Amino acid sequence: MYKSDFEIKKELCESGRRIYNDGFVAANDGNFSVKIDDNTYYVTPTGVSKGFMTPEMICKVDGQGNLKEARSIVFESLKDSAFISQKWELRYYGAYILRQFGELNEAATMLEENLKSNSDSKSMEMLAEIMLERGLYSKSANLYEKLIAKGDSLSVKSAIKYADALYSSGYPEKAVEVVKAECKKSPSNFLLNKLTGDYYWAASEADSSLKYYLKAEKIDKKNTFVKLNISFIHSKLDNFSDAYIYASRAYYGDSTNLKALQQYASCSYKLEQFKEAKRLYEKLLFAGDSSSRTKLLIGISSYMIEDYTRGEEILRNLIDEDEDDNERENVKNAL
């Protein structure tokens, strides 16, 4: 027999009460839902204890998570909840829920209202995160700086977001200092070492970047991105032997990564390993890189290993294809 919407909501609340009382969730943990049809669900609200829900708190959403009922229902229920004791808390939890549903502008407005009368750290930190998500990097960085000025210590997660805001605002040097300080506290943290390498690289400090990328690579030996960046830095420093080693490791770690294949081929060519370079550039061509440069290097590498037939074939075809007069002249010179 079909149950009414109100009955379904009541059952969700009862389930929440039992789960909470049996100790399966604590505080505001967890969420669960009921599917009504192919594109409609009833879900429990985020940021609310599942042991103390009322039917009015249950949200109706579509398959993409968009609210199908007025948000005012959620806030009315929050007003009556036992854990709300002040208006700033109501706004904070309201903003939390709005953020879960992608309503970032409205969430930010509620938090800004909080900060007019109360320098609440929780509201300030959430607002900093929302500003970062909205692409307002300078405002986000400024809010994190206010938190620090208040004497609040940032968690590793918040420090990473602060560094991201600084970097995206055009201050990679400042971002470096933030993540480097966290690295000292957690030297075996892969992400912190990688990010420090990233920001040093963005600040054009190759030697320092290499130092942290190598630390990250020791922690996670399977990370292709780090190996490839180590290879790029060695190339910039003209250490082509080391660049070749890390490019090959990156490629064999992920043979679908065309950047790794391209770097591997380039390092082989720089080291005059023309047979290897030809094989790798042919792979690039087969993978869809039909650029003039790739074809030119296949042609030159072919000549260097005395495969004149392949060399002449690809270079003559390149002359016919290339519309750039300078490139065509380069190819003719190679022939």
Protein backbone atom coordinates (compact mmCIF):
# COMPACT_ATOMS: atom_id res chain seq x y z
CA MET A 1 0.00 0.00 0.00
CA TYR A 2 1.30 3.50 -0.89
CA LYS A 3 2.44 5.55 2.08
CA SER A 4 1.92 9.26 2.30
CA ASP A 5 4.90 11.63 2.17
CA PHE A 6 4.38 12.48 5.83
CA GLU A 7 4.44 8.77 6.81
CA ILE A 8 7.69 8.27 4.90
CA LYS A 9 9.24 11.25 6.68
CA LYS A 10 8.08 9.92 10.05
CA GLU A 11 9.69 6.54 9.31
CA LEU A 12 12.97 8.22 8.36
CA CYS A 13 12.90 10.07 11.68
CA GLU A 14 12.16 6.87 13.57
CA SER A 15 15.00 5.08 11.77
CA GLY A 16 17.30 7.94 12.71
CA ARG A 17 16.25 7.74 16.35
CA ARG A 18 16.95 3.99 16.50
CA ILE A 19 20.30 4.28 14.72
CA TYR A 20 21.32 7.08 17.09
CA ASN A 21 20.15 5.28 20.23
CA ASP A 22 21.96 2.08 19.22
CA GLY A 23 25.21 4.03 18.88
CA PHE A 24 25.70 3.62 15.13
CA VAL A 25 26.08 7.39 14.65
CA ALA A 26 27.30 10.17 16.94
CA ALA A 27 26.50 13.88 17.03
CA ASN A 28 25.51 14.96 13.49
CA ASP A 29 27.10 12.00 11.68
CA GLY A 30 25.64 10.24 8.69
CA ASN A 31 22.82 10.66 6.22
CA PHE A 32 20.29 8.26 4.71
CA SER A 33 17.51 8.50 2.15
CA VAL A 34 14.42 6.90 0.60
CA LYS A 35 13.86 6.70 -3.16
CA ILE A 36 10.32 7.76 -4.10
CA ASP A 37 10.61 7.48 -7.89
CA ASP A 38 13.31 7.59 -10.56
CA ASN A 39 14.10 11.24 -9.85
CA THR A 40 12.82 11.95 -6.34
CA TYR A 41 14.34 11.17 -2.95
CA TYR A 42 13.71 12.07 0.67
CA VAL A 43 17.02 12.64 2.49
CA THR A 44 17.96 13.48 6.04
CA PRO A 45 19.39 16.99 6.55
CA THR A 46 23.12 17.53 6.92
CA GLY A 47 24.34 19.08 10.17
CA VAL A 48 21.47 17.72 12.28
CA SER A 49 21.60 14.90 14.84
CA LYS A 50 19.81 11.89 13.35
CA GLY A 51 18.38 11.04 16.77
CA PHE A 52 16.39 14.26 17.08
CA MET A 53 14.87 14.84 13.66
CA THR A 54 11.26 15.82 13.02
CA PRO A 55 9.36 15.13 9.77
CA GLU A 56 9.61 18.80 8.74
CA MET A 57 13.39 18.49 8.60
CA ILE A 58 13.40 15.82 5.88
CA CYS A 59 14.38 17.28 2.49
CA LYS A 60 12.97 16.31 -0.89
CA VAL A 61 15.62 16.36 -3.65
CA ASP A 62 15.91 15.28 -7.27
CA GLY A 63 18.45 12.85 -8.69
CA GLN A 64 21.06 15.63 -8.97
CA GLY A 65 20.66 16.70 -5.34
CA ASN A 66 18.62 19.83 -6.06
CA LEU A 67 16.06 20.74 -3.41
CA LYS A 68 12.46 20.29 -4.56
CA GLU A 69 10.88 21.80 -1.45
CA ALA A 70 11.31 25.26 0.01
CA ARG A 71 14.47 25.75 2.03
CA SER A 72 12.45 27.65 4.62
CA ILE A 73 11.24 24.26 5.92
CA VAL A 74 14.81 23.39 6.86
CA PHE A 75 15.41 26.65 8.66
CA GLU A 76 12.09 26.52 10.50
CA SER A 77 13.07 23.11 11.81
CA LEU A 78 16.51 24.39 12.81
CA LYS A 79 14.92 27.15 14.88
CA ASP A 80 13.18 24.54 17.01
CA SER A 81 16.19 22.25 17.40
CA ALA A 82 17.71 21.74 20.82
CA PHE A 83 21.28 22.44 19.70
CA ILE A 84 20.44 25.95 18.42
CA SER A 85 20.83 28.43 21.26
CA GLN A 86 21.74 31.67 19.48
CA LYS A 87 20.96 33.38 16.17
CA TRP A 88 24.55 33.07 14.97
CA GLU A 89 24.29 29.29 15.36
CA LEU A 90 21.11 29.27 13.29
CA ARG A 91 22.85 31.21 10.54
CA TYR A 92 25.93 28.98 10.75
CA TYR A 93 23.98 25.72 10.41
CA GLY A 94 21.74 27.28 7.78
CA ALA A 95 24.83 28.25 5.76
CA TYR A 96 26.21 24.75 6.23
CA ILE A 97 23.09 23.22 4.70
CA LEU A 98 22.94 25.76 1.87
CA ARG A 99 26.55 24.96 1.02
CA GLN A 100 25.78 21.25 0.77
CA PHE A 101 23.20 22.08 -1.90
CA GLY A 102 25.52 24.39 -3.84
CA GLU A 103 23.85 27.64 -2.74
CA LEU A 104 27.20 29.33 -2.11
CA ASN A 105 26.08 32.95 -2.48
CA GLU A 106 23.27 32.55 0.05
CA ALA A 107 25.52 30.62 2.43
CA ALA A 108 28.16 33.37 2.22
CA THR A 109 25.54 36.05 2.96
CA MET A 110 24.47 34.26 6.15
CA LEU A 111 28.05 33.86 7.34
CA GLU A 112 28.89 37.49 6.58
CA GLU A 113 25.88 38.48 8.68
CA ASN A 114 27.32 36.42 11.53
CA LEU A 115 30.70 38.13 11.32
CA LYS A 116 29.18 41.60 11.62
CA SER A 117 28.38 40.99 15.27
CA ASN A 118 30.47 37.97 16.21
CA SER A 119 34.03 37.12 15.16
CA ASP A 120 33.10 33.44 15.25
CA SER A 121 36.01 31.30 13.98
CA LYS A 122 33.75 28.56 12.61
CA SER A 123 31.81 31.04 10.47
CA MET A 124 35.01 32.75 9.33
CA GLU A 125 36.65 29.49 8.30
CA MET A 126 33.59 28.27 6.39
CA LEU A 127 33.32 31.64 4.64
CA ALA A 128 37.01 31.41 3.66
CA GLU A 129 36.34 27.98 2.14
CA ILE A 130 33.28 29.24 0.27
CA MET A 131 35.20 32.22 -1.12
CA LEU A 132 37.85 29.79 -2.36
CA GLU A 133 35.17 27.63 -4.01
CA ARG A 134 33.68 30.73 -5.65
CA GLY A 135 37.06 31.76 -7.07
CA LEU A 136 37.36 34.83 -4.81
CA TYR A 137 40.91 33.93 -3.87
CA SER A 138 42.07 37.22 -2.33
CA LYS A 139 39.02 37.38 -0.05
CA SER A 140 39.59 33.77 0.97
CA ALA A 141 43.26 34.40 1.79
CA ASN A 142 42.31 37.52 3.76
CA LEU A 143 39.86 35.55 5.91
CA TYR A 144 42.47 32.87 6.67
CA GLU A 145 44.90 35.63 7.65
CA LYS A 146 42.28 37.06 10.05
CA LEU A 147 41.90 33.61 11.62
CA ILE A 148 45.65 33.40 12.17
CA ALA A 149 45.72 36.96 13.55
CA LYS A 150 43.06 35.92 16.08
CA GLY A 151 45.44 33.25 17.32
CA ASP A 152 43.63 30.30 15.75
CA SER A 153 45.86 27.48 14.56
CA LEU A 154 44.86 26.14 11.15
CA SER A 155 44.44 22.41 10.59
CA VAL A 156 46.52 20.83 7.83
CA LYS A 157 43.43 20.83 5.61
CA SER A 158 42.80 24.54 6.23
CA ALA A 159 46.49 25.41 5.75
CA ILE A 160 46.40 23.71 2.35
CA LYS A 161 43.31 25.70 1.39
CA TYR A 162 44.96 28.92 2.61
CA ALA A 163 48.01 28.14 0.46
CA ASP A 164 45.73 27.44 -2.51
CA ALA A 165 44.06 30.83 -2.02
CA LEU A 166 47.45 32.58 -1.86
CA TYR A 167 48.76 30.76 -4.93
CA SER A 168 45.60 31.47 -6.93
CA SER A 169 45.83 35.14 -5.89
CA GLY A 170 49.25 35.34 -7.51
CA TYR A 171 51.45 34.81 -4.44
CA PRO A 172 53.24 31.46 -4.94
CA GLU A 173 56.08 32.56 -2.64
CA LYS A 174 53.65 33.06 0.25
CA ALA A 175 51.92 29.78 -0.56
CA VAL A 176 55.30 28.05 -0.34
CA GLU A 177 55.90 29.40 3.17
CA VAL A 178 52.53 28.11 4.39
CA VAL A 179 52.92 24.54 3.12
CA LYS A 180 56.63 24.44 3.98
CA ALA A 181 55.80 25.25 7.61
CA GLU A 182 53.29 22.38 7.60
CA CYS A 183 55.92 20.08 6.06
CA LYS A 184 58.17 20.69 9.06
CA LYS A 185 55.37 19.48 11.32
CA SER A 186 54.47 16.49 9.10
CA PRO A 187 57.59 15.62 7.04
CA SER A 188 56.14 12.32 5.81
CA ASN A 189 52.94 13.87 4.43
CA PHE A 190 52.93 13.24 0.66
CA LEU A 191 50.48 16.01 -0.24
CA LEU A 192 52.35 18.70 1.71
CA ASN A 193 55.68 17.80 0.08
CA LYS A 194 54.07 17.68 -3.37
CA LEU A 195 52.35 21.04 -2.89
CA THR A 196 55.57 22.64 -1.66
CA GLY A 197 57.24 21.33 -4.83
CA ASP A 198 54.36 22.66 -6.93
CA TYR A 199 54.53 26.15 -5.46
CA TYR A 200 58.33 26.37 -5.65
CA TRP A 201 58.08 25.28 -9.30
CA ALA A 202 55.47 27.99 -9.93
CA ALA A 203 57.83 30.50 -8.28
CA SER A 204 60.61 29.39 -10.71
CA GLU A 205 62.77 27.96 -7.91
CA ALA A 206 63.76 24.71 -9.61
CA ASP A 207 66.29 23.46 -7.05
CA SER A 208 63.94 23.89 -4.09
CA SER A 209 61.06 22.40 -6.06
CA LEU A 210 63.16 19.35 -6.91
CA LYS A 211 64.05 18.83 -3.25
CA TYR A 212 60.40 18.55 -2.19
CA TYR A 213 59.30 16.54 -5.23
CA LEU A 214 62.01 14.00 -4.45
CA LYS A 215 60.72 13.76 -0.87
CA ALA A 216 57.18 13.25 -2.18
CA GLU A 217 58.41 10.59 -4.62
CA LYS A 218 60.00 8.63 -1.77
CA ILE A 219 56.69 8.66 0.11
CA ASP A 220 54.57 7.63 -2.90
CA LYS A 221 56.68 5.85 -5.47
CA LYS A 222 53.71 5.23 -7.76
CA ASN A 223 52.73 8.85 -8.35
CA THR A 224 53.26 9.56 -12.04
CA PHE A 225 52.64 13.31 -11.75
CA VAL A 226 55.54 13.77 -9.32
CA LYS A 227 57.93 11.64 -11.40
CA LEU A 228 57.08 13.63 -14.51
CA ASN A 229 57.64 16.96 -12.78
CA ILE A 230 60.99 15.72 -11.45
CA SER A 231 61.90 14.91 -15.05
CA PHE A 232 60.84 18.38 -16.26
CA ILE A 233 62.96 20.06 -13.56
CA HIS A 234 66.01 17.95 -14.42
CA SER A 235 65.53 18.98 -18.07
CA LYS A 236 65.40 22.63 -17.06
CA LEU A 237 68.64 22.12 -15.14
CA ASP A 238 70.17 20.33 -18.18
CA ASN A 239 70.41 17.05 -16.25
CA PHE A 240 69.10 15.00 -19.17
CA SER A 241 70.29 11.63 -17.84
CA ASP A 242 68.21 12.05 -14.67
CA ALA A 243 65.39 13.58 -16.70
CA TYR A 244 65.40 10.46 -18.90
CA ILE A 245 65.25 8.12 -15.88
CA TYR A 246 62.24 9.85 -14.31
CA ALA A 247 60.45 10.32 -17.62
CA SER A 248 60.75 6.58 -18.31
CA ARG A 249 59.46 5.78 -14.81
CA ALA A 250 56.52 8.16 -15.31
CA TYR A 251 55.68 6.61 -18.68
CA TYR A 252 55.92 2.99 -17.54
CA GLY A 253 53.86 3.94 -14.48
CA ASP A 254 51.11 5.21 -16.79
CA SER A 255 51.55 4.37 -20.45
CA THR A 256 48.41 6.38 -21.35
CA ASN A 257 50.03 9.64 -20.22
CA LEU A 258 51.03 11.42 -23.44
CA LYS A 259 52.98 14.12 -21.59
CA ALA A 260 55.14 11.40 -20.03
CA LEU A 261 55.63 9.76 -23.42
CA GLN A 262 56.53 13.09 -25.00
CA GLN A 263 59.06 13.87 -22.26
CA TYR A 264 60.52 10.37 -22.48
CA ALA A 265 60.96 10.75 -26.25
CA SER A 266 62.45 14.24 -25.87
CA CYS A 267 65.01 13.07 -23.28
CA SER A 268 65.98 10.12 -25.49
CA TYR A 269 66.57 12.49 -28.39
CA LYS A 270 68.61 14.90 -26.22
CA LEU A 271 70.81 11.99 -25.14
CA GLU A 272 71.20 10.98 -28.80
CA GLN A 273 69.50 7.65 -28.21
CA PHE A 274 67.97 7.95 -31.65
CA LYS A 275 66.65 4.41 -31.97
CA GLU A 276 64.72 4.83 -28.71
CA ALA A 277 63.65 8.35 -29.66
CA LYS A 278 62.29 7.15 -33.02
CA ARG A 279 60.34 4.33 -31.35
CA LEU A 280 58.81 6.71 -28.80
CA TYR A 281 57.96 9.45 -31.30
CA GLU A 282 56.31 6.81 -33.50
CA LYS A 283 54.20 5.85 -30.46
CA LEU A 284 53.24 9.50 -30.07
CA LEU A 285 52.24 9.70 -33.72
CA PHE A 286 50.16 6.54 -33.39
CA ALA A 287 48.52 7.98 -30.24
CA GLY A 288 47.31 10.99 -32.22
CA ASP A 289 50.13 13.54 -31.94
CA SER A 290 50.49 14.44 -35.60
CA SER A 291 52.31 17.72 -34.98
CA SER A 292 55.04 18.81 -37.38
CA ARG A 293 57.60 18.64 -34.59
CA THR A 294 56.85 14.99 -33.80
CA LYS A 295 57.06 14.04 -37.48
CA LEU A 296 60.26 16.03 -37.95
CA LEU A 297 61.93 14.29 -35.01
CA ILE A 298 60.84 10.88 -36.31
CA GLY A 299 62.42 11.79 -39.64
CA ILE A 300 65.69 13.03 -38.14
CA SER A 301 65.93 10.07 -35.73
CA SER A 302 65.33 7.70 -38.66
CA TYR A 303 68.23 9.22 -40.58
CA MET A 304 70.48 9.04 -37.52
CA ILE A 305 69.96 5.28 -37.25
CA GLU A 306 70.30 4.92 -41.06
CA ASP A 307 66.65 4.12 -41.65
CA TYR A 308 66.71 6.33 -44.73
CA THR A 309 63.53 4.98 -46.27
CA ARG A 310 61.37 5.92 -43.26
CA GLY A 311 63.22 9.19 -42.77
CA GLU A 312 62.75 10.37 -46.34
CA GLU A 313 59.14 9.17 -46.46
CA ILE A 314 57.99 11.10 -43.41
CA LEU A 315 60.00 14.24 -44.16
CA ARG A 316 58.80 14.48 -47.78
CA ASN A 317 55.22 14.01 -46.63
CA LEU A 318 55.81 16.70 -44.06
CA ILE A 319 56.96 19.16 -46.73
CA ASP A 320 53.73 18.57 -48.64
CA GLU A 321 51.55 18.92 -45.51
CA ASP A 322 53.17 21.87 -43.78
CA GLU A 323 51.75 25.30 -44.58
CA ASP A 324 54.35 27.16 -42.53
CA ASP A 325 57.17 28.32 -44.83
CA ASN A 326 59.74 28.36 -42.02
CA GLU A 327 58.85 24.81 -40.94
CA ARG A 328 58.97 23.64 -44.54
CA GLU A 329 62.47 25.13 -44.90
CA ASN A 330 63.57 23.34 -41.70
CA VAL A 331 62.37 20.04 -43.09
CA LYS A 332 64.16 20.63 -46.39
CA ASN A 333 67.37 21.35 -44.49
CA ALA A 334 66.89 18.13 -42.52
CA LEU A 335 66.54 16.22 -45.81
